[in-house]
Amino acid sequence: MDDDKPIFEQATNAVSGAAEATTETKTAVKKVRKAAKKVAKKVTKKKAAKTAPKAKKAKKAGKKSAKKAAKKAPKKAAKKKKKAKKSKR
């Protein structure tokens, strides 16, 4: 520290310097967070774009299998009834 300045002035300078440093770090942190959010949005958009066609295909496949199952259900039920009747005899 400076010997020419009084202790009180040196202390106030140190405190004000620390306060300035903390405000600067806060602004830097805000900028970094903002940049990270932008990057995260871009990454998620790209991933969503890649997975969207797969999701559509899966949805279509699910609908097709549901239709097939709905068509096959009465036939299966009839077969089960026939088997049950045969087993009772």
Protein backbone atom coordinates (compact mmCIF):
# COMPACT_ATOMS: atom_id res chain seq x y z
CA MET A 1 0.00 0.00 0.00
CA ASP A 2 0.99 3.61 -0.31
CA ASP A 3 2.65 5.16 2.70
CA ASP A 4 1.79 8.65 1.47
CA LYS A 5 -1.98 8.16 1.69
CA PRO A 6 -3.82 7.81 4.99
CA ILE A 7 -5.06 4.34 5.95
CA PHE A 8 -8.72 5.35 5.66
CA GLU A 9 -8.27 6.53 2.06
CA GLN A 10 -6.38 3.36 1.16
CA ALA A 11 -9.18 1.24 2.62
CA THR A 12 -11.90 3.14 0.76
CA ASN A 13 -9.97 2.80 -2.49
CA ALA A 14 -9.61 -0.94 -1.94
CA VAL A 15 -13.31 -1.34 -1.18
CA SER A 16 -14.42 0.73 -4.16
CA GLY A 17 -12.03 -1.22 -6.39
CA ALA A 18 -13.50 -4.48 -5.14
CA ALA A 19 -17.03 -3.20 -5.78
CA GLU A 20 -16.12 -2.27 -9.35
CA ALA A 21 -14.55 -5.66 -9.90
CA THR A 22 -17.65 -7.46 -8.68
CA THR A 23 -19.93 -5.44 -10.98
CA GLU A 24 -17.64 -6.22 -13.90
CA THR A 25 -17.69 -9.92 -13.11
CA LYS A 26 -21.48 -9.85 -12.82
CA THR A 27 -21.81 -8.34 -16.28
CA ALA A 28 -19.33 -10.87 -17.66
CA VAL A 29 -21.29 -13.73 -16.12
CA LYS A 30 -24.53 -12.39 -17.61
CA LYS A 31 -22.95 -12.23 -21.05
CA VAL A 32 -21.64 -15.77 -20.76
CA ARG A 33 -25.04 -17.08 -19.64
CA LYS A 34 -26.77 -15.31 -22.52
CA ALA A 35 -24.32 -16.80 -25.01
CA ALA A 36 -24.75 -20.25 -23.50
CA LYS A 37 -28.53 -19.99 -23.82
CA LYS A 38 -28.20 -19.06 -27.50
CA VAL A 39 -25.96 -22.05 -28.14
CA ALA A 40 -28.31 -24.35 -26.25
CA LYS A 41 -31.27 -23.15 -28.33
CA LYS A 42 -29.40 -23.79 -31.57
CA VAL A 43 -28.37 -27.26 -30.46
CA THR A 44 -31.89 -28.22 -29.35
CA LYS A 45 -33.36 -26.94 -32.62
CA LYS A 46 -30.92 -29.05 -34.60
CA LYS A 47 -31.66 -32.13 -32.49
CA ALA A 48 -35.39 -31.53 -32.83
CA ALA A 49 -35.03 -31.21 -36.59
CA LYS A 50 -33.21 -34.52 -36.71
CA THR A 51 -35.64 -36.38 -34.49
CA ALA A 52 -38.86 -34.92 -35.97
CA PRO A 53 -38.93 -37.24 -39.03
CA LYS A 54 -38.26 -40.23 -36.79
CA ALA A 55 -41.13 -39.22 -34.54
CA LYS A 56 -43.45 -38.87 -37.54
CA LYS A 57 -42.48 -42.32 -38.78
CA ALA A 58 -43.06 -43.82 -35.37
CA LYS A 59 -46.44 -42.13 -35.13
CA LYS A 60 -47.48 -43.50 -38.53
CA ALA A 61 -46.26 -46.97 -37.60
CA GLY A 62 -48.22 -46.82 -34.37
CA LYS A 63 -51.38 -45.84 -36.20
CA LYS A 64 -50.93 -48.64 -38.73
CA SER A 65 -50.37 -51.25 -36.06
CA ALA A 66 -53.42 -49.99 -34.16
CA LYS A 67 -55.56 -50.33 -37.29
CA LYS A 68 -54.26 -53.84 -37.93
CA ALA A 69 -54.86 -54.84 -34.34
CA ALA A 70 -58.40 -53.48 -34.50
CA LYS A 71 -59.07 -55.51 -37.65
CA LYS A 72 -57.54 -58.70 -36.24
CA ALA A 73 -59.19 -58.50 -32.82
CA PRO A 74 -62.63 -59.91 -33.86
CA LYS A 75 -60.99 -62.76 -35.76
CA LYS A 76 -58.82 -63.65 -32.78
CA ALA A 77 -61.81 -63.55 -30.47
CA ALA A 78 -63.73 -65.91 -32.75
CA LYS A 79 -60.79 -68.34 -32.84
CA LYS A 80 -60.54 -68.30 -29.06
CA LYS A 81 -64.25 -69.10 -28.74
CA LYS A 82 -63.89 -72.04 -31.14
CA LYS A 83 -60.91 -73.37 -29.20
CA ALA A 84 -62.78 -73.00 -25.93
CA LYS A 85 -65.76 -74.95 -27.34
CA LYS A 86 -63.48 -77.73 -28.63
CA SER A 87 -61.70 -78.04 -25.33
CA LYS A 88 -65.01 -78.42 -23.46
CA ARG A 89 -65.99 -81.41 -25.62
